Amino acid sequence: VTPAVLRRYLVNIYYVRSCREPTGSGGVCQSSDDGGNPIPTLVRVELGAGPAWVITPLVEGIEDMQIDYGLDIPPSVAASESDGAPDLYSTGTYSEGTTAMTPDDWANVVAVKIHLLARSVEQEPGYQDAKSYNMGLAGSVSFTAAADKPYTRHVFTQQVRLVNPSGRRAQ
């Protein structure tokens, strides 16, 4: 058996914060942040020296992020061979009333689909967003509040192969 190439393990956490620069205690966003018009922001938290968490705002205008996990089902469960390619996708959570993924399921994750909903940083005078945005298995998002409507939006979706687990199976 040929072992898969080893890759460095990184500890990064990504999340969407409701403002760019929080002023509340403990880093909590306030309605007065960002000049009274809070800008949702994609943020990365990484494990640094010490150890200490390093918080880095990455992209302004990211309103929502959803991740679908691609599982390569082992041959004992599925009719096809385990080939490193996803056979099905799951959200991995309890939120949809389905059974959560087990530790064995997490070991079969070979890809992720990342869905990002981006909005303009500035309001567009006269624009009313009446669209619905597909965020993968998490469902669609639409905006009804008047304060949320004057922004243009776009969903970006990308599938990412997880090299270590899929590489071992693809041989």
C-alpha atoms as a PDB file:
ATOM      1  CA  VAL A   1       0.000   0.000   0.000  1.00  0.00           C
ATOM      2  CA  THR A   2       1.354   3.412  -0.964  1.00  0.00           C
ATOM      3  CA  PRO A   3       0.827   5.957   1.826  1.00  0.00           C
ATOM      4  CA  ALA A   4      -0.768   9.282   0.978  1.00  0.00           C
ATOM      5  CA  VAL A   5       1.379  12.400   0.958  1.00  0.00           C
ATOM      6  CA  LEU A   6       1.453  14.059   4.390  1.00  0.00           C
ATOM      7  CA  ARG A   7       0.166  17.616   4.676  1.00  0.00           C
ATOM      8  CA  ARG A   8       0.650  20.121   7.493  1.00  0.00           C
ATOM      9  CA  TYR A   9      -2.316  20.335   9.867  1.00  0.00           C
ATOM     10  CA  LEU A  10      -3.697  23.844  10.336  1.00  0.00           C
ATOM     11  CA  VAL A  11      -6.107  24.922  13.060  1.00  0.00           C
ATOM     12  CA  ASN A  12      -8.383  27.588  11.557  1.00  0.00           C
ATOM     13  CA  ILE A  13     -11.958  28.494  12.414  1.00  0.00           C
ATOM     14  CA  TYR A  14     -14.057  30.523   9.984  1.00  0.00           C
ATOM     15  CA  TYR A  15     -17.277  32.307  10.888  1.00  0.00           C
ATOM     16  CA  VAL A  16     -19.447  35.240   9.848  1.00  0.00           C
ATOM     17  CA  ARG A  17     -19.526  38.160  12.287  1.00  0.00           C
ATOM     18  CA  SER A  18     -22.329  40.730  12.015  1.00  0.00           C
ATOM     19  CA  CYS A  19     -19.889  43.674  11.927  1.00  0.00           C
ATOM     20  CA  ARG A  20     -16.364  44.481  10.757  1.00  0.00           C
ATOM     21  CA  GLU A  21     -14.990  46.037  13.970  1.00  0.00           C
ATOM     22  CA  PRO A  22     -16.902  45.034  17.137  1.00  0.00           C
ATOM     23  CA  THR A  23     -16.868  47.507  20.020  1.00  0.00           C
ATOM     24  CA  GLY A  24     -18.895  45.557  22.588  1.00  0.00           C
ATOM     25  CA  SER A  25     -17.324  43.733  25.512  1.00  0.00           C
ATOM     26  CA  GLY A  26     -15.884  40.365  24.531  1.00  0.00           C
ATOM     27  CA  GLY A  27     -15.863  41.327  20.847  1.00  0.00           C
ATOM     28  CA  VAL A  28     -19.658  41.505  20.515  1.00  0.00           C
ATOM     29  CA  CYS A  29     -21.042  43.569  17.626  1.00  0.00           C
ATOM     30  CA  GLN A  30     -23.255  46.568  18.468  1.00  0.00           C
ATOM     31  CA  SER A  31     -25.746  48.382  16.219  1.00  0.00           C
ATOM     32  CA  SER A  32     -23.478  51.450  16.364  1.00  0.00           C
ATOM     33  CA  ASP A  33     -20.436  49.562  14.975  1.00  0.00           C
ATOM     34  CA  ASP A  34     -18.974  50.418  11.570  1.00  0.00           C
ATOM     35  CA  GLY A  35     -20.359  53.961  11.693  1.00  0.00           C
ATOM     36  CA  GLY A  36     -23.896  52.835  12.592  1.00  0.00           C
ATOM     37  CA  ASN A  37     -24.153  50.540   9.561  1.00  0.00           C
ATOM     38  CA  PRO A  38     -22.680  47.178  10.656  1.00  0.00           C
ATOM     39  CA  ILE A  39     -20.964  45.355   7.789  1.00  0.00           C
ATOM     40  CA  PRO A  40     -21.119  41.546   8.040  1.00  0.00           C
ATOM     41  CA  THR A  41     -17.616  40.100   7.735  1.00  0.00           C
ATOM     42  CA  LEU A  42     -16.032  36.686   7.189  1.00  0.00           C
ATOM     43  CA  VAL A  43     -13.501  36.157   9.993  1.00  0.00           C
ATOM     44  CA  ARG A  44     -10.720  33.618  10.521  1.00  0.00           C
ATOM     45  CA  VAL A  45      -9.510  32.542  13.957  1.00  0.00           C
ATOM     46  CA  GLU A  46      -6.229  30.650  13.909  1.00  0.00           C
ATOM     47  CA  LEU A  47      -4.172  29.025  16.600  1.00  0.00           C
ATOM     48  CA  GLY A  48      -1.010  31.068  16.983  1.00  0.00           C
ATOM     49  CA  ALA A  49       2.051  31.011  19.200  1.00  0.00           C
ATOM     50  CA  GLY A  50       1.625  30.765  22.913  1.00  0.00           C
ATOM     51  CA  PRO A  51      -0.912  29.176  22.176  1.00  0.00           C
ATOM     52  CA  ALA A  52      -3.173  32.135  21.500  1.00  0.00           C
ATOM     53  CA  TRP A  53      -6.045  32.720  19.110  1.00  0.00           C
ATOM     54  CA  VAL A  54      -5.364  35.256  16.351  1.00  0.00           C
ATOM     55  CA  ILE A  55      -8.554  36.859  14.966  1.00  0.00           C
ATOM     56  CA  THR A  56      -8.350  38.192  11.409  1.00  0.00           C
ATOM     57  CA  PRO A  57     -11.248  39.834   9.493  1.00  0.00           C
ATOM     58  CA  LEU A  58     -10.980  38.462   5.936  1.00  0.00           C
ATOM     59  CA  VAL A  59     -13.803  39.680   3.690  1.00  0.00           C
ATOM     60  CA  GLU A  60     -16.325  42.450   4.308  1.00  0.00           C
ATOM     61  CA  GLY A  61     -19.870  41.922   3.063  1.00  0.00           C
ATOM     62  CA  ILE A  62     -20.113  38.152   3.657  1.00  0.00           C
ATOM     63  CA  GLU A  63     -23.576  37.704   5.141  1.00  0.00           C
ATOM     64  CA  ASP A  64     -23.903  33.935   5.365  1.00  0.00           C
ATOM     65  CA  MET A  65     -21.710  30.839   5.063  1.00  0.00           C
ATOM     66  CA  GLN A  66     -22.981  27.269   4.833  1.00  0.00           C
ATOM     67  CA  ILE A  67     -20.932  24.100   4.422  1.00  0.00           C
ATOM     68  CA  ASP A  68     -22.080  20.775   2.956  1.00  0.00           C
ATOM     69  CA  TYR A  69     -19.857  17.793   3.764  1.00  0.00           C
ATOM     70  CA  GLY A  70     -19.198  15.264   0.970  1.00  0.00           C
ATOM     71  CA  LEU A  71     -18.955  11.675   2.197  1.00  0.00           C
ATOM     72  CA  ASP A  72     -17.314   8.775   0.379  1.00  0.00           C
ATOM     73  CA  ILE A  73     -19.325   5.796   1.591  1.00  0.00           C
ATOM     74  CA  PRO A  74     -17.235   2.665   2.310  1.00  0.00           C
ATOM     75  CA  PRO A  75     -17.930  -0.354   0.049  1.00  0.00           C
ATOM     76  CA  SER A  76     -19.574  -2.309   2.873  1.00  0.00           C
ATOM     77  CA  VAL A  77     -22.370   0.288   2.895  1.00  0.00           C
ATOM     78  CA  ALA A  78     -22.677   1.342  -0.741  1.00  0.00           C
ATOM     79  CA  ALA A  79     -22.631  -0.723  -3.899  1.00  0.00           C
ATOM     80  CA  SER A  80     -19.807   1.317  -5.426  1.00  0.00           C
ATOM     81  CA  GLU A  81     -16.202   1.212  -4.279  1.00  0.00           C
ATOM     82  CA  SER A  82     -14.724   3.791  -1.969  1.00  0.00           C
ATOM     83  CA  ASP A  83     -12.898   5.960  -4.528  1.00  0.00           C
ATOM     84  CA  GLY A  84     -12.174   9.268  -2.773  1.00  0.00           C
ATOM     85  CA  ALA A  85     -15.085  11.045  -4.467  1.00  0.00           C
ATOM     86  CA  PRO A  86     -18.178  12.131  -2.505  1.00  0.00           C
ATOM     87  CA  ASP A  87     -21.199   9.832  -2.871  1.00  0.00           C
ATOM     88  CA  LEU A  88     -23.550  12.075  -0.886  1.00  0.00           C
ATOM     89  CA  TYR A  89     -23.592  15.385   0.986  1.00  0.00           C
ATOM     90  CA  SER A  90     -24.701  16.192   4.539  1.00  0.00           C
ATOM     91  CA  THR A  91     -24.898  19.322   6.671  1.00  0.00           C
ATOM     92  CA  GLY A  92     -23.543  17.352   9.635  1.00  0.00           C
ATOM     93  CA  THR A  93     -25.919  19.043  12.080  1.00  0.00           C
ATOM     94  CA  TYR A  94     -29.092  18.360  14.050  1.00  0.00           C
ATOM     95  CA  SER A  95     -30.778  21.508  12.737  1.00  0.00           C
ATOM     96  CA  GLU A  96     -32.736  19.746  10.001  1.00  0.00           C
ATOM     97  CA  GLY A  97     -34.227  17.089  12.243  1.00  0.00           C
ATOM     98  CA  THR A  98     -32.073  14.317  10.790  1.00  0.00           C
ATOM     99  CA  THR A  99     -29.579  12.121  12.580  1.00  0.00           C
ATOM    100  CA  ALA A 100     -26.251  13.838  13.154  1.00  0.00           C
ATOM    101  CA  MET A 101     -23.134  12.417  11.561  1.00  0.00           C
ATOM    102  CA  THR A 102     -21.287   9.857  13.684  1.00  0.00           C
ATOM    103  CA  PRO A 103     -17.501   9.838  14.246  1.00  0.00           C
ATOM    104  CA  ASP A 104     -17.297   7.152  11.529  1.00  0.00           C
ATOM    105  CA  ASP A 105     -19.168   9.453   9.131  1.00  0.00           C
ATOM    106  CA  TRP A 106     -16.714  12.308   9.800  1.00  0.00           C
ATOM    107  CA  ALA A 107     -13.856   9.952   8.863  1.00  0.00           C
ATOM    108  CA  ASN A 108     -15.526   9.521   5.452  1.00  0.00           C
ATOM    109  CA  VAL A 109     -15.661  13.263   4.631  1.00  0.00           C
ATOM    110  CA  VAL A 110     -13.558  13.754   1.480  1.00  0.00           C
ATOM    111  CA  ALA A 111     -14.865  17.116   0.224  1.00  0.00           C
ATOM    112  CA  VAL A 112     -16.780  20.194   1.302  1.00  0.00           C
ATOM    113  CA  LYS A 113     -19.049  22.528  -0.631  1.00  0.00           C
ATOM    114  CA  ILE A 114     -18.802  26.057   0.698  1.00  0.00           C
ATOM    115  CA  HIS A 115     -21.657  28.482   0.018  1.00  0.00           C
ATOM    116  CA  LEU A 116     -20.974  32.183   0.694  1.00  0.00           C
ATOM    117  CA  LEU A 117     -23.642  34.865   0.436  1.00  0.00           C
ATOM    118  CA  ALA A 118     -21.970  38.204  -0.289  1.00  0.00           C
ATOM    119  CA  ARG A 119     -23.706  41.560  -0.196  1.00  0.00           C
ATOM    120  CA  SER A 120     -22.601  45.021  -1.226  1.00  0.00           C
ATOM    121  CA  VAL A 121     -21.005  47.047   1.559  1.00  0.00           C
ATOM    122  CA  GLU A 122     -22.884  50.200   0.568  1.00  0.00           C
ATOM    123  CA  GLN A 123     -26.664  50.452   0.204  1.00  0.00           C
ATOM    124  CA  GLU A 124     -28.029  50.838  -3.330  1.00  0.00           C
ATOM    125  CA  PRO A 125     -30.606  53.660  -3.286  1.00  0.00           C
ATOM    126  CA  GLY A 126     -33.922  52.518  -4.747  1.00  0.00           C
ATOM    127  CA  TYR A 127     -32.889  48.857  -4.941  1.00  0.00           C
ATOM    128  CA  GLN A 128     -35.202  46.277  -3.354  1.00  0.00           C
ATOM    129  CA  ASP A 129     -33.779  42.734  -3.079  1.00  0.00           C
ATOM    130  CA  ALA A 130     -36.632  40.325  -3.807  1.00  0.00           C
ATOM    131  CA  LYS A 131     -34.471  37.325  -4.763  1.00  0.00           C
ATOM    132  CA  SER A 132     -34.030  34.002  -3.014  1.00  0.00           C
ATOM    133  CA  TYR A 133     -30.483  32.624  -2.628  1.00  0.00           C
ATOM    134  CA  ASN A 134     -29.707  28.876  -2.632  1.00  0.00           C
ATOM    135  CA  MET A 135     -27.321  28.016   0.205  1.00  0.00           C
ATOM    136  CA  GLY A 136     -26.993  24.291  -0.547  1.00  0.00           C
ATOM    137  CA  LEU A 137     -28.501  21.772   1.861  1.00  0.00           C
ATOM    138  CA  ALA A 138     -29.220  24.555   4.387  1.00  0.00           C
ATOM    139  CA  GLY A 139     -31.941  25.811   2.036  1.00  0.00           C
ATOM    140  CA  SER A 140     -32.671  29.195   0.548  1.00  0.00           C
ATOM    141  CA  VAL A 141     -32.312  32.640   2.079  1.00  0.00           C
ATOM    142  CA  SER A 142     -34.477  35.652   1.218  1.00  0.00           C
ATOM    143  CA  PHE A 143     -34.833  39.070   2.788  1.00  0.00           C
ATOM    144  CA  THR A 144     -38.100  40.605   3.917  1.00  0.00           C
ATOM    145  CA  ALA A 145     -37.095  43.391   6.326  1.00  0.00           C
ATOM    146  CA  ALA A 146     -36.844  46.799   4.654  1.00  0.00           C
ATOM    147  CA  ALA A 147     -33.439  47.385   6.274  1.00  0.00           C
ATOM    148  CA  ASP A 148     -32.045  44.256   4.551  1.00  0.00           C
ATOM    149  CA  LYS A 149     -33.401  44.981   1.074  1.00  0.00           C
ATOM    150  CA  PRO A 150     -31.255  47.854  -0.336  1.00  0.00           C
ATOM    151  CA  TYR A 151     -28.158  45.645  -0.852  1.00  0.00           C
ATOM    152  CA  THR A 152     -27.194  43.704  -3.956  1.00  0.00           C
ATOM    153  CA  ARG A 153     -26.168  40.105  -3.248  1.00  0.00           C
ATOM    154  CA  HIS A 154     -24.558  37.098  -4.904  1.00  0.00           C
ATOM    155  CA  VAL A 155     -23.955  33.492  -3.817  1.00  0.00           C
ATOM    156  CA  PHE A 156     -20.555  31.939  -4.442  1.00  0.00           C
ATOM    157  CA  THR A 157     -20.270  28.143  -4.230  1.00  0.00           C
ATOM    158  CA  GLN A 158     -17.094  26.091  -4.451  1.00  0.00           C
ATOM    159  CA  GLN A 159     -16.358  22.425  -3.858  1.00  0.00           C
ATOM    160  CA  VAL A 160     -13.028  21.710  -2.151  1.00  0.00           C
ATOM    161  CA  ARG A 161     -11.382  18.274  -2.129  1.00  0.00           C
ATOM    162  CA  LEU A 162      -9.880  17.304   1.233  1.00  0.00           C
ATOM    163  CA  VAL A 163      -6.566  15.972   0.002  1.00  0.00           C
ATOM    164  CA  ASN A 164      -5.490  13.664   2.833  1.00  0.00           C
ATOM    165  CA  PRO A 165      -8.673  11.573   3.243  1.00  0.00           C
ATOM    166  CA  SER A 166      -9.603  11.494  -0.448  1.00  0.00           C
ATOM    167  CA  GLY A 167      -6.013  10.818  -1.573  1.00  0.00           C
ATOM    168  CA  ARG A 168      -5.791   7.632   0.492  1.00  0.00           C
ATOM    169  CA  ARG A 169      -8.989   6.315  -1.109  1.00  0.00           C
ATOM    170  CA  ALA A 170      -8.313   7.377  -4.699  1.00  0.00           C
ATOM    171  CA  GLN A 171      -5.351   5.029  -5.203  1.00  0.00           C
END
